[in-house]
Each structure stands twice: as C-alpha cells, then as structure tokens.
Amino acid sequence: MALAVHQLLLGPLRNFVYILADQATRHALVVDPGWDSKAILARLAEHDLTLAGLLVTHTHFDHINAVGELVKHADVPVYVHTAEREPMPVRSSSVKRVSGGDDIPLGEHVVRLLHTPGHTPGSSCFLVNGRLMSGDTLFVKACGRSDLPGGDPTQLYHSLDQIATLDERITVYPGHDYGDTPHSTVGDEKRQNPFLQFDSPQQFVRFVTRGG
C-alpha cells in the first residue's frame, strides 16, 4: 500500500503544506493548508489526486488561511482537535472535531492523530506509515513557541517526550522550514535537538523561558 507525501513551501513564514496521497485510490488529505489554495489545487491536479479532507495541526492563521477556498472547491471535512478554540474560516458543518488516538481514513491507509499540546491547547501531530506531520510542535532541531496565547511550556515538554518515544526511524515533517534540512527523523531529533535533551519539565521550562 503506497503512500506519497508531497511537500509545498508557501507563504512569508515559510510554511510547509503537505499532501498525503493514497496511490491506489488517488485520494489525498492536505495538512495545514495555508497561503495559496491555487498552488495546492495545482499540485493535486498535477498528480491526478482527489481532495478527500483537510488536516489541521493547529488553528494559527498561517496554517489555515487557505482552508476556506479549498472547501469551496470541494466539500470535504476539516479535521481539527476538539481543544482548538479559534474559529475556523468555514461553516461549522465542515469541521470534524477529533481527539488524540483517533484514526482518519485515507484510502487504504489510516492517519493517527497524536494530541501534542503546548504550542496551542489542541496542537496535534498526524502519524501515517512511518511519517509524522509535526506541525508547530517539533521542528528540525527546534520546537514551537509556548509563550503565545494558549501555549504551555510544561505541556510542550510532555508532548515532545511523547514524540521521543516513537520509532526512531519515523520521518518528521515539520510545519515550517526553520531547520538545516526540510525534514528529519525521530532518532536524529532525539540526538541533536537541544529541546529534547531535558530530564524534567522544570529544566525544560527554565530553558525555554530563559530563566536558567
């Protein structure tokens, strides 16, 4: 069962938008559709893919500002964690609230949602076939901010710790192009990411808040 991952770099904040494509059915889910709906639709058409839904790691504007146009193009569900409270730019009937551990179908594949709060209350990662779409929870050799409204550094520590327990061979696809490579692995992040080197949430909080 082949799964393809198409990566687009869009917008002034260097957002990564991902298309997860089931090769058998040609159905696709778009992760964090921001900035340029035309570019996203063009990539879908280029690979003869049918849009089946949208996955939102969190509801900051740069990760959802193309959602409305895509739902106008195709009436598909928009999957977002139930703890996210910021309004979505679509009618409420399009929004499908999900929780940690929920599975989202994609053709012959299943996308598992991991609840990873800290950047926002409902921040999530999506895991499918050895690929982790980590949003703004985990970047290459960095992590998301926890000092914005709804952020919590202690929660972020535990979310990063959850990711660190995953199979080290899993490829990490972050929400922004902030690293020296566009993607990484769980193993490489465990060894090289300074934010994954703490033994306690207290140490992590002191580090990220520059308290010591």
Protein backbone atom coordinates (compact mmCIF):
# COMPACT_ATOMS: atom_id res chain seq x y z
CA MET A 1 0.00 0.00 0.00
CA ALA A 2 1.96 3.01 -1.26
CA LEU A 3 1.61 6.41 0.33
CA ALA A 4 3.14 9.53 -1.22
CA VAL A 5 3.97 12.75 0.61
CA HIS A 6 4.08 15.94 -1.46
CA GLN A 7 5.65 18.96 0.23
CA LEU A 8 4.97 22.59 -0.69
CA LEU A 9 6.78 25.60 0.79
CA LEU A 10 4.37 28.53 0.86
CA GLY A 11 3.99 32.00 2.33
CA PRO A 12 6.20 34.58 4.04
CA LEU A 13 6.51 32.44 7.20
CA ARG A 14 7.97 29.52 5.22
CA ASN A 15 5.09 27.18 5.94
CA PHE A 16 5.22 23.60 4.80
CA VAL A 17 1.94 22.31 3.38
CA TYR A 18 1.76 18.54 2.90
CA ILE A 19 -0.37 16.40 0.63
CA LEU A 20 -0.75 12.81 1.80
CA ALA A 21 -1.78 10.71 -1.18
CA ASP A 22 -3.02 7.13 -1.28
CA GLN A 23 -1.56 5.78 -4.51
CA ALA A 24 -4.24 3.14 -5.00
CA THR A 25 -7.36 5.31 -4.71
CA ARG A 26 -5.70 8.65 -5.66
CA HIS A 27 -7.40 10.22 -2.62
CA ALA A 28 -5.48 12.88 -0.73
CA LEU A 29 -5.51 14.73 2.58
CA VAL A 30 -3.92 18.18 2.80
CA VAL A 31 -2.12 19.03 6.05
CA ASP A 32 -2.17 22.66 7.24
CA PRO A 33 -3.42 24.34 4.06
CA GLY A 34 -2.10 27.88 4.18
CA TRP A 35 -1.44 30.86 1.93
CA ASP A 36 -2.04 29.61 -1.60
CA SER A 37 -5.04 27.44 -2.42
CA LYS A 38 -4.28 27.67 -6.15
CA ALA A 39 -0.83 26.15 -5.66
CA ILE A 40 -2.29 23.36 -3.56
CA LEU A 41 -5.00 22.59 -6.11
CA ALA A 42 -2.44 22.70 -8.91
CA ARG A 43 -0.29 20.10 -7.13
CA LEU A 44 -3.33 17.88 -6.61
CA ALA A 45 -4.21 18.15 -10.30
CA GLU A 46 -0.61 17.53 -11.37
CA HIS A 47 -0.66 14.16 -9.64
CA ASP A 48 -4.28 13.32 -10.52
CA LEU A 49 -5.38 13.38 -6.88
CA THR A 50 -8.86 13.87 -5.44
CA LEU A 51 -9.10 16.02 -2.32
CA ALA A 52 -10.69 13.94 0.46
CA GLY A 53 -10.16 16.17 3.51
CA LEU A 54 -8.02 18.69 5.34
CA LEU A 55 -5.92 18.02 8.45
CA VAL A 56 -5.16 20.93 10.77
CA THR A 57 -2.33 20.60 13.30
CA HIS A 58 -3.49 23.82 15.00
CA THR A 59 -5.55 26.88 14.14
CA HIS A 60 -2.98 29.67 13.88
CA PHE A 61 -3.82 31.73 10.81
CA ASP A 62 -0.79 30.73 8.76
CA HIS A 63 -1.83 27.07 8.92
CA ILE A 64 -5.49 27.55 7.94
CA ASN A 65 -5.80 30.64 5.75
CA ALA A 66 -6.38 28.57 2.59
CA VAL A 67 -8.97 26.28 4.21
CA GLY A 68 -11.96 28.34 3.11
CA GLU A 69 -11.05 28.35 -0.56
CA LEU A 70 -10.31 24.64 -0.60
CA VAL A 71 -13.64 23.77 0.99
CA LYS A 72 -15.36 25.93 -1.63
CA HIS A 73 -13.61 23.83 -4.27
CA ALA A 74 -14.55 20.51 -2.64
CA ASP A 75 -16.99 19.98 0.23
CA VAL A 76 -14.64 17.89 2.37
CA PRO A 77 -14.25 17.51 6.15
CA VAL A 78 -11.76 19.67 8.03
CA TYR A 79 -10.24 17.65 10.88
CA VAL A 80 -9.16 19.68 13.92
CA HIS A 81 -8.63 18.77 17.56
CA THR A 82 -11.53 19.43 19.85
CA ALA A 83 -9.38 21.58 22.19
CA GLU A 84 -8.67 24.19 19.50
CA ARG A 85 -10.97 27.16 20.14
CA GLU A 86 -10.04 29.66 17.45
CA PRO A 87 -12.77 29.89 14.79
CA MET A 88 -12.25 28.10 11.52
CA PRO A 89 -12.83 30.00 8.24
CA VAL A 90 -15.56 27.57 7.12
CA ARG A 91 -19.09 26.74 8.17
CA SER A 92 -19.27 24.66 11.32
CA SER A 93 -20.74 21.66 9.48
CA SER A 94 -17.43 21.28 7.59
CA VAL A 95 -15.41 20.99 10.80
CA LYS A 96 -14.94 17.49 12.19
CA ARG A 97 -13.66 17.56 15.78
CA VAL A 98 -11.20 14.81 16.64
CA SER A 99 -9.18 13.74 19.69
CA GLY A 100 -5.89 12.06 20.46
CA GLY A 101 -5.82 8.46 19.27
CA ASP A 102 -8.50 8.98 16.63
CA ASP A 103 -7.93 7.43 13.21
CA ILE A 104 -8.68 9.28 9.98
CA PRO A 105 -9.10 7.14 6.86
CA LEU A 106 -7.15 7.78 3.69
CA GLY A 107 -7.87 5.14 1.06
CA GLU A 108 -6.07 2.01 2.21
CA HIS A 109 -4.24 3.89 4.98
CA VAL A 110 -5.11 5.19 8.43
CA VAL A 111 -3.81 8.51 9.79
CA ARG A 112 -3.47 8.50 13.58
CA LEU A 113 -3.88 11.79 15.46
CA LEU A 114 -1.48 12.40 18.36
CA HIS A 115 -2.55 15.17 20.73
CA THR A 116 0.58 17.24 21.41
CA PRO A 117 -0.45 20.41 23.28
CA GLY A 118 1.93 23.13 24.34
CA HIS A 119 2.11 25.39 21.30
CA THR A 120 -1.69 25.60 21.45
CA PRO A 121 -4.19 23.58 23.54
CA GLY A 122 -5.20 21.39 20.61
CA SER A 123 -1.91 21.13 18.78
CA SER A 124 -1.69 17.76 17.06
CA CYS A 125 0.65 15.61 15.02
CA PHE A 126 -0.50 13.19 12.33
CA LEU A 127 1.19 9.80 12.03
CA VAL A 128 0.84 7.53 9.00
CA ASN A 129 3.11 4.83 7.56
CA GLY A 130 6.30 5.98 9.26
CA ARG A 131 5.70 9.68 8.61
CA LEU A 132 4.92 12.26 11.30
CA MET A 133 3.44 15.62 10.35
CA SER A 134 4.55 17.53 13.44
CA GLY A 135 3.08 20.99 12.82
CA ASP A 136 4.50 23.59 15.19
CA THR A 137 5.16 21.10 17.98
CA LEU A 138 8.51 19.85 16.66
CA PHE A 139 10.81 21.45 14.12
CA VAL A 140 14.17 20.27 12.83
CA LYS A 141 16.48 20.88 15.83
CA ALA A 142 13.91 23.19 17.42
CA CYS A 143 10.35 23.27 18.69
CA GLY A 144 7.34 25.54 18.64
CA ARG A 145 6.82 28.52 20.89
CA SER A 146 4.90 28.10 24.12
CA ASP A 147 4.62 31.80 25.06
CA LEU A 148 1.71 32.65 22.76
CA PRO A 149 -1.92 32.69 23.98
CA GLY A 150 -2.91 29.12 24.84
CA GLY A 151 0.69 27.95 25.00
CA ASP A 152 2.06 25.97 27.92
CA PRO A 153 5.76 25.00 28.21
CA THR A 154 5.10 22.13 30.60
CA GLN A 155 2.60 20.61 28.19
CA LEU A 156 5.06 21.13 25.34
CA TYR A 157 7.75 19.22 27.26
CA HIS A 158 5.43 16.24 27.68
CA SER A 159 4.38 16.42 24.02
CA LEU A 160 8.00 16.35 22.86
CA ASP A 161 8.63 13.47 25.26
CA GLN A 162 5.71 11.62 23.68
CA ILE A 163 7.21 12.07 20.22
CA ALA A 164 10.60 10.88 21.50
CA THR A 165 9.05 7.51 22.43
CA LEU A 166 8.09 6.82 18.81
CA ASP A 167 10.10 4.59 16.49
CA GLU A 168 13.36 6.38 15.73
CA ARG A 169 13.03 5.58 12.02
CA ILE A 170 9.88 7.71 11.65
CA THR A 171 10.40 10.68 9.34
CA VAL A 172 9.48 14.04 10.86
CA TYR A 173 7.83 16.60 8.57
CA PRO A 174 7.68 19.95 10.42
CA GLY A 175 5.25 22.81 9.92
CA HIS A 176 7.91 25.35 8.91
CA ASP A 177 11.20 25.38 7.04
CA TYR A 178 13.26 26.55 10.03
CA GLY A 179 15.99 23.89 10.04
CA ASP A 180 19.04 22.99 8.02
CA THR A 181 17.06 20.23 6.27
CA PRO A 182 13.37 20.15 5.28
CA HIS A 183 12.68 17.02 7.32
CA SER A 184 14.36 14.78 9.86
CA THR A 185 13.78 11.58 11.84
CA VAL A 186 12.67 10.95 15.39
CA GLY A 187 16.07 9.40 16.11
CA ASP A 188 18.03 12.36 14.77
CA GLU A 189 15.87 14.77 16.78
CA LYS A 190 16.38 12.76 19.97
CA ARG A 191 20.14 13.02 19.48
CA GLN A 192 20.53 16.50 18.00
CA ASN A 193 17.57 18.66 19.05
CA PRO A 194 18.51 20.74 22.13
CA PHE A 195 14.85 20.87 23.22
CA LEU A 196 14.75 17.06 23.58
CA GLN A 197 17.70 16.83 25.98
CA PHE A 198 15.98 17.62 29.29
CA ASP A 199 15.27 15.12 32.06
CA SER A 200 12.43 17.06 33.67
CA PRO A 201 9.74 19.58 32.71
CA GLN A 202 11.24 22.02 35.20
CA GLN A 203 14.57 22.05 33.34
CA PHE A 204 12.78 22.46 30.01
CA VAL A 205 10.62 25.33 31.27
CA ARG A 206 13.64 27.16 32.66
CA PHE A 207 15.39 26.78 29.31
CA VAL A 208 12.54 27.96 27.10
CA THR A 209 11.63 30.85 29.38
CA ARG A 210 15.32 31.80 29.70
CA GLY A 211 15.07 31.54 33.46
CA GLY A 212 18.22 29.50 33.93
